[in-house]
């Protein structure tokens, strides 16, 4: 099992709706150096997320254009390298994320890779529910997202620390 500190507390950020990126009143969470990624980092992260009920996994980077997901929450586990990612849309916050970090985005949270190391690799996953959708920040997408985001179920588990993890306590409707 991946080595994760059971008392890890994520950083929390709440991003306001900017008229194009809806964001979410539930906090965006970032665990710093939460996972000892070891010699097979992607598999280590996949095992952790899967054991905590998050699936539909993929391996890649973070798109270099602003986007969000209006029907599902998303977790990004950094397996290798580092990147500077803009979270929360144009008026959000640019964060450096690196191997072992985990970012958990409530539905509607904008994200865009601004720069990345050549070896940057992310494992993404979703809690049970509808498939991932990809929305660009437009007035039409924003209007639709305001209807779908409140309907996205709060996950039963934190993808890093499971049923007793901080997400379960911090994400309330």
N, C-alpha and C. Protein backbone atom coordinates (compact mmCIF):
# COMPACT_ATOMS: atom_id res chain seq x y z
N UNK A 1 0.85 -1.19 0.00
CA UNK A 1 0.00 0.00 0.00
C UNK A 1 0.89 1.24 0.00
N UNK A 2 0.52 2.28 -0.75
CA UNK A 2 1.31 3.51 -0.76
C UNK A 2 1.43 4.09 0.65
N UNK A 3 2.58 4.68 0.90
CA UNK A 3 2.82 5.28 2.21
C UNK A 3 2.22 6.68 2.23
N UNK A 4 1.22 6.87 3.08
CA UNK A 4 0.54 8.15 3.22
C UNK A 4 0.44 8.43 4.71
N UNK A 5 0.75 9.65 5.09
CA UNK A 5 0.63 10.03 6.49
C UNK A 5 -0.86 10.13 6.85
N UNK A 6 -1.30 9.38 7.84
CA UNK A 6 -2.72 9.37 8.20
C UNK A 6 -3.18 10.68 8.84
N UNK A 7 -2.23 11.52 9.25
CA UNK A 7 -2.64 12.81 9.82
C UNK A 7 -2.41 13.96 8.84
N UNK A 8 -2.22 13.63 7.56
CA UNK A 8 -2.01 14.66 6.53
C UNK A 8 -3.24 15.57 6.49
N UNK A 9 -3.00 16.85 6.46
CA UNK A 9 -4.07 17.85 6.33
C UNK A 9 -3.82 18.62 5.05
N UNK A 10 -4.80 18.69 4.18
CA UNK A 10 -4.60 19.42 2.94
C UNK A 10 -4.69 20.94 3.12
N UNK A 11 -4.03 21.66 2.21
CA UNK A 11 -4.26 23.10 2.10
C UNK A 11 -5.64 23.24 1.48
N UNK A 12 -6.36 24.28 1.83
CA UNK A 12 -7.69 24.49 1.26
C UNK A 12 -7.77 25.87 0.62
N UNK A 13 -8.48 25.93 -0.49
CA UNK A 13 -8.70 27.18 -1.23
C UNK A 13 -10.15 27.19 -1.67
N UNK A 14 -10.81 28.33 -1.56
CA UNK A 14 -12.15 28.48 -2.11
C UNK A 14 -12.06 29.57 -3.16
N UNK A 15 -12.43 29.20 -4.39
CA UNK A 15 -12.38 30.14 -5.51
C UNK A 15 -13.78 30.62 -5.84
N UNK A 16 -13.90 31.90 -6.10
CA UNK A 16 -15.19 32.50 -6.43
C UNK A 16 -15.53 32.26 -7.90
N UNK A 17 -16.80 32.21 -8.19
CA UNK A 17 -17.30 32.17 -9.56
C UNK A 17 -16.87 33.48 -10.22
N UNK A 18 -16.19 33.39 -11.37
CA UNK A 18 -15.74 34.63 -12.02
C UNK A 18 -16.58 35.00 -13.24
N UNK A 19 -17.72 34.33 -13.41
CA UNK A 19 -18.59 34.62 -14.54
C UNK A 19 -18.34 33.72 -15.73
N UNK A 20 -17.16 33.10 -15.80
CA UNK A 20 -16.85 32.14 -16.86
C UNK A 20 -16.49 30.78 -16.29
N UNK A 21 -15.70 30.78 -15.22
CA UNK A 21 -15.36 29.55 -14.51
C UNK A 21 -16.21 29.54 -13.24
N UNK A 22 -17.12 28.56 -13.12
CA UNK A 22 -18.04 28.59 -11.97
C UNK A 22 -17.37 28.29 -10.63
N UNK A 23 -16.32 27.45 -10.64
CA UNK A 23 -15.70 27.00 -9.40
C UNK A 23 -16.74 26.33 -8.52
N UNK A 24 -16.52 26.31 -7.22
CA UNK A 24 -17.40 25.56 -6.33
C UNK A 24 -17.27 26.15 -4.93
N UNK A 25 -18.36 26.24 -4.18
CA UNK A 25 -18.22 26.74 -2.80
C UNK A 25 -17.49 25.76 -1.88
N UNK A 26 -17.39 24.48 -2.29
CA UNK A 26 -16.61 23.52 -1.49
C UNK A 26 -15.13 23.76 -1.80
N UNK A 27 -14.25 23.56 -0.82
CA UNK A 27 -12.85 23.91 -1.04
C UNK A 27 -12.09 22.96 -1.97
N UNK A 28 -11.22 23.55 -2.75
CA UNK A 28 -10.20 22.85 -3.53
C UNK A 28 -9.15 22.43 -2.51
N UNK A 29 -8.70 21.18 -2.57
CA UNK A 29 -7.77 20.64 -1.57
C UNK A 29 -6.44 20.27 -2.21
N UNK A 30 -5.34 20.56 -1.52
CA UNK A 30 -4.01 20.16 -1.99
C UNK A 30 -3.24 19.52 -0.85
N UNK A 31 -2.91 18.25 -1.04
CA UNK A 31 -2.02 17.54 -0.12
C UNK A 31 -0.60 17.70 -0.66
N UNK A 32 0.30 18.20 0.18
CA UNK A 32 1.70 18.37 -0.22
C UNK A 32 2.50 17.14 0.21
N UNK A 33 3.28 16.60 -0.73
CA UNK A 33 4.16 15.45 -0.46
C UNK A 33 3.42 14.37 0.32
N UNK A 34 2.19 14.10 -0.08
CA UNK A 34 1.34 13.16 0.65
C UNK A 34 1.65 11.71 0.36
N UNK A 35 2.20 11.46 -0.83
CA UNK A 35 2.41 10.08 -1.25
C UNK A 35 3.90 9.84 -1.48
N UNK A 36 4.40 8.76 -0.90
CA UNK A 36 5.76 8.31 -1.19
C UNK A 36 5.62 7.52 -2.49
N UNK A 37 5.93 8.17 -3.62
CA UNK A 37 5.64 7.58 -4.92
C UNK A 37 6.52 6.38 -5.28
N UNK A 38 7.69 6.25 -4.66
CA UNK A 38 8.52 5.07 -4.87
C UNK A 38 8.99 4.87 -6.29
N UNK A 39 9.25 3.61 -6.65
CA UNK A 39 9.87 3.31 -7.94
C UNK A 39 8.87 3.17 -9.08
N UNK A 40 7.59 3.02 -8.78
CA UNK A 40 6.57 2.93 -9.83
C UNK A 40 5.45 3.90 -9.47
N UNK A 41 5.71 5.21 -9.63
CA UNK A 41 4.80 6.22 -9.09
C UNK A 41 3.37 6.16 -9.62
N UNK A 42 3.19 5.96 -10.93
CA UNK A 42 1.82 5.93 -11.47
C UNK A 42 1.03 4.78 -10.84
N UNK A 43 1.61 3.60 -10.78
CA UNK A 43 0.92 2.45 -10.20
C UNK A 43 0.64 2.66 -8.71
N UNK A 44 1.58 3.30 -8.01
CA UNK A 44 1.39 3.58 -6.58
C UNK A 44 0.17 4.48 -6.37
N UNK A 45 0.07 5.53 -7.18
CA UNK A 45 -1.06 6.46 -7.06
C UNK A 45 -2.36 5.78 -7.46
N UNK A 46 -2.33 5.01 -8.54
CA UNK A 46 -3.54 4.29 -8.97
C UNK A 46 -4.03 3.34 -7.88
N UNK A 47 -3.11 2.66 -7.24
CA UNK A 47 -3.49 1.74 -6.16
C UNK A 47 -4.16 2.50 -5.01
N UNK A 48 -3.58 3.64 -4.64
CA UNK A 48 -4.14 4.44 -3.55
C UNK A 48 -5.54 4.94 -3.90
N UNK A 49 -5.68 5.58 -5.05
CA UNK A 49 -6.99 6.12 -5.43
C UNK A 49 -8.02 4.99 -5.54
N UNK A 50 -7.64 3.88 -6.18
CA UNK A 50 -8.56 2.76 -6.34
C UNK A 50 -9.00 2.17 -5.01
N UNK A 51 -8.06 2.07 -4.07
CA UNK A 51 -8.40 1.49 -2.76
C UNK A 51 -9.36 2.39 -1.98
N UNK A 52 -9.43 3.66 -2.38
CA UNK A 52 -10.34 4.61 -1.72
C UNK A 52 -11.58 4.90 -2.56
N UNK A 53 -11.84 4.05 -3.55
CA UNK A 53 -13.10 4.13 -4.30
C UNK A 53 -13.14 5.12 -5.44
N UNK A 54 -11.99 5.68 -5.82
CA UNK A 54 -11.95 6.60 -6.95
C UNK A 54 -11.42 5.83 -8.15
N UNK A 55 -12.12 5.92 -9.30
CA UNK A 55 -11.74 5.13 -10.46
C UNK A 55 -11.74 5.94 -11.74
N UNK A 56 -12.05 5.26 -12.87
CA UNK A 56 -12.01 5.87 -14.21
C UNK A 56 -10.69 6.63 -14.37
N UNK A 57 -9.58 5.96 -14.04
CA UNK A 57 -8.27 6.62 -13.99
C UNK A 57 -7.64 6.83 -15.35
N UNK A 58 -6.77 7.79 -15.41
CA UNK A 58 -6.00 8.09 -16.61
C UNK A 58 -4.61 8.57 -16.21
N UNK A 59 -3.68 8.50 -17.15
CA UNK A 59 -2.31 9.01 -16.97
C UNK A 59 -2.03 10.01 -18.08
N UNK A 60 -1.53 11.18 -17.71
CA UNK A 60 -1.22 12.21 -18.70
C UNK A 60 -0.60 13.38 -17.97
N UNK A 61 -0.90 14.60 -18.43
CA UNK A 61 -0.49 15.82 -17.76
C UNK A 61 -1.75 16.59 -17.42
N UNK A 62 -1.67 17.92 -17.43
CA UNK A 62 -2.83 18.78 -17.25
C UNK A 62 -2.90 19.63 -18.51
N UNK A 63 -4.07 19.73 -19.11
CA UNK A 63 -4.22 20.50 -20.35
C UNK A 63 -3.69 21.92 -20.18
N UNK A 64 -3.14 22.46 -21.28
CA UNK A 64 -2.57 23.81 -21.25
C UNK A 64 -3.60 24.89 -21.59
N UNK A 65 -4.87 24.53 -21.57
CA UNK A 65 -5.93 25.52 -21.77
C UNK A 65 -6.87 25.46 -20.57
N UNK A 66 -7.51 26.59 -20.28
CA UNK A 66 -8.42 26.66 -19.13
C UNK A 66 -9.63 25.78 -19.39
N UNK A 67 -9.99 24.98 -18.38
CA UNK A 67 -11.14 24.09 -18.47
C UNK A 67 -11.60 23.70 -17.08
N UNK A 68 -12.76 23.06 -17.02
CA UNK A 68 -13.29 22.54 -15.76
C UNK A 68 -14.23 21.39 -16.09
N UNK A 69 -14.68 20.70 -15.06
CA UNK A 69 -15.61 19.58 -15.20
C UNK A 69 -16.86 19.93 -14.41
N UNK A 70 -18.01 19.91 -15.08
CA UNK A 70 -19.25 20.37 -14.45
C UNK A 70 -20.12 19.24 -13.93
N UNK A 71 -19.73 17.98 -14.19
CA UNK A 71 -20.56 16.85 -13.77
C UNK A 71 -19.85 15.90 -12.82
N UNK A 72 -18.60 16.22 -12.46
CA UNK A 72 -17.81 15.28 -11.66
C UNK A 72 -16.68 16.00 -10.94
N UNK A 73 -16.31 15.49 -9.78
CA UNK A 73 -15.13 15.95 -9.06
C UNK A 73 -13.92 15.22 -9.65
N UNK A 74 -12.72 15.74 -9.43
CA UNK A 74 -11.52 15.13 -10.00
C UNK A 74 -10.37 15.18 -9.00
N UNK A 75 -9.53 14.14 -9.00
CA UNK A 75 -8.31 14.16 -8.21
C UNK A 75 -7.14 14.03 -9.17
N UNK A 76 -6.09 14.79 -8.90
CA UNK A 76 -4.86 14.75 -9.69
C UNK A 76 -3.71 14.38 -8.75
N UNK A 77 -3.09 13.23 -8.99
CA UNK A 77 -1.94 12.81 -8.21
C UNK A 77 -0.70 12.97 -9.06
N UNK A 78 0.26 13.77 -8.59
CA UNK A 78 1.47 14.01 -9.37
C UNK A 78 2.43 12.84 -9.16
N UNK A 79 2.70 12.11 -10.24
CA UNK A 79 3.56 10.94 -10.18
C UNK A 79 5.03 11.30 -10.38
N UNK A 80 5.27 12.21 -11.30
CA UNK A 80 6.66 12.57 -11.64
C UNK A 80 6.74 14.06 -11.98
N UNK A 81 7.90 14.64 -11.77
CA UNK A 81 8.15 16.00 -12.19
C UNK A 81 7.39 17.04 -11.40
N UNK A 82 7.22 18.20 -12.02
CA UNK A 82 6.53 19.31 -11.37
C UNK A 82 5.90 20.20 -12.44
N UNK A 83 4.97 21.04 -12.00
CA UNK A 83 4.30 21.96 -12.91
C UNK A 83 3.77 23.15 -12.14
N UNK A 84 3.52 24.21 -12.88
CA UNK A 84 2.82 25.37 -12.35
C UNK A 84 1.44 25.34 -12.99
N UNK A 85 0.42 25.21 -12.14
CA UNK A 85 -0.96 25.06 -12.63
C UNK A 85 -1.81 26.19 -12.06
N UNK A 86 -2.58 26.81 -12.93
CA UNK A 86 -3.53 27.84 -12.52
C UNK A 86 -4.82 27.14 -12.13
N UNK A 87 -5.20 27.24 -10.87
CA UNK A 87 -6.45 26.66 -10.38
C UNK A 87 -7.44 27.78 -10.10
N UNK A 88 -8.72 27.54 -10.35
CA UNK A 88 -9.75 28.53 -10.02
C UNK A 88 -10.01 29.55 -11.09
N UNK A 89 -9.46 29.36 -12.29
CA UNK A 89 -9.67 30.32 -13.37
C UNK A 89 -8.71 31.49 -13.29
N UNK A 90 -8.96 32.45 -14.15
CA UNK A 90 -8.08 33.62 -14.29
C UNK A 90 -7.84 34.35 -12.96
N UNK A 91 -8.84 34.37 -12.09
CA UNK A 91 -8.74 35.08 -10.81
C UNK A 91 -8.44 34.14 -9.65
N UNK A 92 -8.02 32.91 -9.98
CA UNK A 92 -7.72 31.91 -8.96
C UNK A 92 -6.30 32.04 -8.44
N UNK A 93 -5.59 30.92 -8.42
CA UNK A 93 -4.27 30.88 -7.81
C UNK A 93 -3.37 29.92 -8.60
N UNK A 94 -2.18 30.38 -8.98
CA UNK A 94 -1.21 29.51 -9.64
C UNK A 94 -0.39 28.80 -8.56
N UNK A 95 -0.33 27.48 -8.63
CA UNK A 95 0.40 26.69 -7.65
C UNK A 95 1.44 25.82 -8.32
N UNK A 96 2.58 25.68 -7.64
CA UNK A 96 3.59 24.71 -8.05
C UNK A 96 3.18 23.38 -7.42
N UNK A 97 3.05 22.36 -8.24
CA UNK A 97 2.77 21.02 -7.73
C UNK A 97 3.88 20.09 -8.19
N UNK A 98 4.21 19.10 -7.36
CA UNK A 98 5.34 18.23 -7.65
C UNK A 98 5.03 16.80 -7.25
N UNK A 99 5.90 15.89 -7.66
CA UNK A 99 5.72 14.46 -7.38
C UNK A 99 5.36 14.24 -5.91
N UNK A 100 4.31 13.46 -5.68
CA UNK A 100 3.83 13.18 -4.34
C UNK A 100 2.70 14.07 -3.89
N UNK A 101 2.47 15.18 -4.60
CA UNK A 101 1.36 16.09 -4.27
C UNK A 101 0.06 15.56 -4.87
N UNK A 102 -1.05 15.89 -4.22
CA UNK A 102 -2.37 15.51 -4.71
C UNK A 102 -3.28 16.73 -4.65
N UNK A 103 -3.96 17.02 -5.76
CA UNK A 103 -4.92 18.12 -5.82
C UNK A 103 -6.31 17.51 -6.04
N UNK A 104 -7.28 17.94 -5.22
CA UNK A 104 -8.64 17.43 -5.34
C UNK A 104 -9.54 18.60 -5.70
N UNK A 105 -10.16 18.51 -6.88
CA UNK A 105 -10.93 19.60 -7.44
C UNK A 105 -12.42 19.30 -7.37
N UNK A 106 -13.18 20.07 -6.57
CA UNK A 106 -14.62 19.89 -6.62
C UNK A 106 -15.13 20.32 -8.01
N UNK A 107 -16.22 19.72 -8.45
CA UNK A 107 -16.78 20.02 -9.77
C UNK A 107 -16.84 21.52 -10.01
N UNK A 108 -16.43 21.93 -11.20
CA UNK A 108 -16.47 23.34 -11.58
C UNK A 108 -15.18 24.10 -11.37
N UNK A 109 -14.19 23.48 -10.72
CA UNK A 109 -12.92 24.16 -10.44
C UNK A 109 -12.08 24.26 -11.70
N UNK A 110 -11.78 25.49 -12.10
CA UNK A 110 -10.96 25.70 -13.28
C UNK A 110 -9.53 25.25 -13.05
N UNK A 111 -8.89 24.76 -14.13
CA UNK A 111 -7.49 24.39 -14.06
C UNK A 111 -6.85 24.46 -15.44
N UNK A 112 -5.55 24.82 -15.43
CA UNK A 112 -4.80 25.00 -16.67
C UNK A 112 -3.31 24.92 -16.34
N UNK A 113 -2.58 24.08 -17.08
CA UNK A 113 -1.14 23.99 -16.88
C UNK A 113 -0.47 25.20 -17.53
N UNK A 114 0.31 25.93 -16.74
CA UNK A 114 1.04 27.09 -17.24
C UNK A 114 2.44 26.71 -17.71
N UNK A 115 3.07 25.77 -17.01
CA UNK A 115 4.40 25.26 -17.39
C UNK A 115 4.62 23.95 -16.65
N UNK A 116 5.48 23.11 -17.22
CA UNK A 116 5.74 21.81 -16.59
C UNK A 116 7.13 21.31 -16.96
N UNK A 117 7.71 20.52 -16.07
CA UNK A 117 8.98 19.86 -16.36
C UNK A 117 8.72 18.81 -17.44
N UNK A 118 9.76 18.42 -18.15
CA UNK A 118 9.62 17.46 -19.24
C UNK A 118 9.09 16.10 -18.80
N UNK A 119 9.32 15.76 -17.55
CA UNK A 119 8.88 14.45 -17.05
C UNK A 119 7.57 14.51 -16.27
N UNK A 120 6.87 15.65 -16.32
CA UNK A 120 5.63 15.81 -15.55
C UNK A 120 4.62 14.75 -15.93
N UNK A 121 4.11 14.04 -14.94
CA UNK A 121 3.13 12.98 -15.15
C UNK A 121 2.12 13.00 -14.01
N UNK A 122 0.85 12.89 -14.39
CA UNK A 122 -0.25 12.94 -13.44
C UNK A 122 -1.12 11.70 -13.61
N UNK A 123 -1.65 11.22 -12.49
CA UNK A 123 -2.71 10.21 -12.52
C UNK A 123 -3.97 10.94 -12.08
N UNK A 124 -5.00 10.87 -12.90
CA UNK A 124 -6.28 11.48 -12.57
C UNK A 124 -7.30 10.39 -12.28
N UNK A 125 -8.31 10.72 -11.48
CA UNK A 125 -9.37 9.77 -11.16
C UNK A 125 -10.61 10.53 -10.73
N UNK A 126 -11.72 9.79 -10.66
CA UNK A 126 -13.02 10.37 -10.33
C UNK A 126 -13.76 9.47 -9.36
N UNK A 127 -14.59 10.05 -8.50
CA UNK A 127 -15.42 9.21 -7.63
C UNK A 127 -16.52 8.56 -8.48
N UNK A 128 -17.20 7.55 -7.94
CA UNK A 128 -18.30 6.94 -8.70
C UNK A 128 -19.33 8.00 -9.10
N UNK A 129 -19.86 7.85 -10.31
CA UNK A 129 -20.86 8.80 -10.79
C UNK A 129 -20.76 8.96 -12.28
N UNK A 130 -21.25 10.08 -12.78
CA UNK A 130 -21.26 10.29 -14.23
C UNK A 130 -19.84 10.38 -14.79
N UNK A 131 -19.70 10.18 -16.11
CA UNK A 131 -18.37 10.29 -16.71
C UNK A 131 -17.89 11.74 -16.70
N UNK A 132 -16.59 11.89 -16.87
CA UNK A 132 -15.96 13.21 -16.92
C UNK A 132 -16.48 13.97 -18.14
N UNK A 133 -16.73 15.24 -17.94
CA UNK A 133 -17.04 16.15 -19.05
C UNK A 133 -15.96 17.20 -19.06
N UNK A 134 -15.72 17.81 -20.20
CA UNK A 134 -14.70 18.85 -20.29
C UNK A 134 -15.36 20.12 -20.80
N UNK A 135 -15.29 21.17 -19.99
CA UNK A 135 -15.92 22.44 -20.34
C UNK A 135 -14.87 23.54 -20.42
N UNK A 136 -14.95 24.33 -21.47
CA UNK A 136 -14.11 25.52 -21.56
C UNK A 136 -14.92 26.69 -20.99
N UNK A 137 -14.20 27.71 -20.49
CA UNK A 137 -14.91 28.84 -19.87
C UNK A 137 -15.58 29.75 -20.90
N UNK A 138 -16.85 29.47 -21.19
CA UNK A 138 -17.67 30.32 -22.06
C UNK A 138 -18.95 30.67 -21.30
N UNK A 139 -19.62 31.74 -21.67
CA UNK A 139 -20.88 32.09 -20.99
C UNK A 139 -21.92 30.97 -21.07
N UNK A 140 -22.00 30.29 -22.22
CA UNK A 140 -22.99 29.21 -22.39
C UNK A 140 -22.66 28.03 -21.49
N UNK A 141 -21.39 27.61 -21.45
CA UNK A 141 -21.00 26.50 -20.59
C UNK A 141 -21.19 26.85 -19.12
N UNK A 142 -20.88 28.08 -18.76
CA UNK A 142 -21.04 28.55 -17.39
C UNK A 142 -22.50 28.44 -16.96
N UNK A 143 -23.42 28.90 -17.81
CA UNK A 143 -24.85 28.86 -17.48
C UNK A 143 -25.31 27.42 -17.25
N UNK A 144 -24.87 26.49 -18.10
CA UNK A 144 -25.25 25.07 -17.92
C UNK A 144 -24.63 24.50 -16.65
N UNK A 145 -23.35 24.85 -16.40
CA UNK A 145 -22.62 24.31 -15.24
C UNK A 145 -23.28 24.72 -13.93
N UNK A 146 -23.83 25.93 -13.88
CA UNK A 146 -24.49 26.37 -12.65
C UNK A 146 -25.67 25.47 -12.28
N UNK A 147 -26.23 24.76 -13.27
CA UNK A 147 -27.33 23.83 -13.01
C UNK A 147 -26.81 22.45 -12.63
N UNK A 148 -25.70 22.01 -13.23
CA UNK A 148 -25.22 20.64 -12.98
C UNK A 148 -24.35 20.52 -11.73
N UNK A 149 -23.52 21.50 -11.45
CA UNK A 149 -22.57 21.40 -10.33
C UNK A 149 -23.26 21.10 -8.99
N UNK A 150 -24.35 21.79 -8.63
CA UNK A 150 -24.98 21.50 -7.34
C UNK A 150 -25.54 20.07 -7.24
N UNK A 151 -25.71 19.39 -8.38
CA UNK A 151 -26.26 18.04 -8.39
C UNK A 151 -25.18 16.96 -8.25
N UNK A 152 -23.90 17.35 -8.34
CA UNK A 152 -22.82 16.37 -8.26
C UNK A 152 -22.72 15.91 -6.80
N UNK A 153 -22.83 14.61 -6.61
CA UNK A 153 -22.81 14.04 -5.25
C UNK A 153 -21.46 14.26 -4.58
N UNK A 154 -21.51 14.51 -3.29
CA UNK A 154 -20.28 14.59 -2.49
C UNK A 154 -19.74 13.16 -2.35
N UNK A 155 -18.47 12.94 -2.66
CA UNK A 155 -17.92 11.58 -2.57
C UNK A 155 -17.98 11.02 -1.14
N UNK A 156 -18.08 9.71 -1.05
CA UNK A 156 -18.13 9.04 0.26
C UNK A 156 -16.75 8.92 0.87
N UNK A 157 -15.71 9.09 0.04
CA UNK A 157 -14.33 8.92 0.52
C UNK A 157 -13.42 9.99 -0.01
N UNK A 158 -12.36 10.22 0.73
CA UNK A 158 -11.25 11.07 0.32
C UNK A 158 -10.32 10.16 -0.50
N UNK A 159 -9.86 10.56 -1.70
CA UNK A 159 -9.04 9.66 -2.51
C UNK A 159 -7.68 9.35 -1.90
N UNK A 160 -7.23 10.15 -0.94
CA UNK A 160 -5.94 9.93 -0.30
C UNK A 160 -6.10 9.16 1.01
N UNK A 161 -7.04 9.58 1.86
CA UNK A 161 -7.16 9.01 3.21
C UNK A 161 -8.47 8.26 3.48
N UNK A 162 -9.25 8.01 2.43
CA UNK A 162 -10.42 7.15 2.57
C UNK A 162 -11.60 7.75 3.30
N UNK A 163 -12.39 6.86 3.93
CA UNK A 163 -13.68 7.27 4.51
C UNK A 163 -13.55 8.24 5.68
N UNK A 164 -12.39 8.29 6.33
CA UNK A 164 -12.19 9.22 7.44
C UNK A 164 -11.32 10.41 7.06
N UNK A 165 -11.06 10.58 5.77
CA UNK A 165 -10.18 11.65 5.31
C UNK A 165 -10.81 13.03 5.38
N UNK A 166 -9.98 14.07 5.29
CA UNK A 166 -10.45 15.44 5.40
C UNK A 166 -11.54 15.84 4.40
N UNK A 167 -11.51 15.31 3.19
CA UNK A 167 -12.53 15.67 2.21
C UNK A 167 -13.93 15.41 2.77
N UNK A 168 -14.11 14.28 3.42
CA UNK A 168 -15.42 13.90 3.96
C UNK A 168 -15.91 14.94 4.98
N UNK A 169 -14.98 15.51 5.72
CA UNK A 169 -15.30 16.52 6.73
C UNK A 169 -15.46 17.92 6.10
N UNK A 170 -14.64 18.22 5.09
CA UNK A 170 -14.58 19.58 4.54
C UNK A 170 -15.60 19.86 3.44
N UNK A 171 -16.02 18.82 2.74
CA UNK A 171 -16.96 19.02 1.63
C UNK A 171 -18.37 18.78 2.13
N UNK A 172 -19.07 19.84 2.38
CA UNK A 172 -20.47 19.78 2.83
C UNK A 172 -21.31 20.68 1.91
N UNK A 173 -22.51 20.24 1.64
CA UNK A 173 -23.43 21.07 0.82
C UNK A 173 -24.22 21.99 1.72
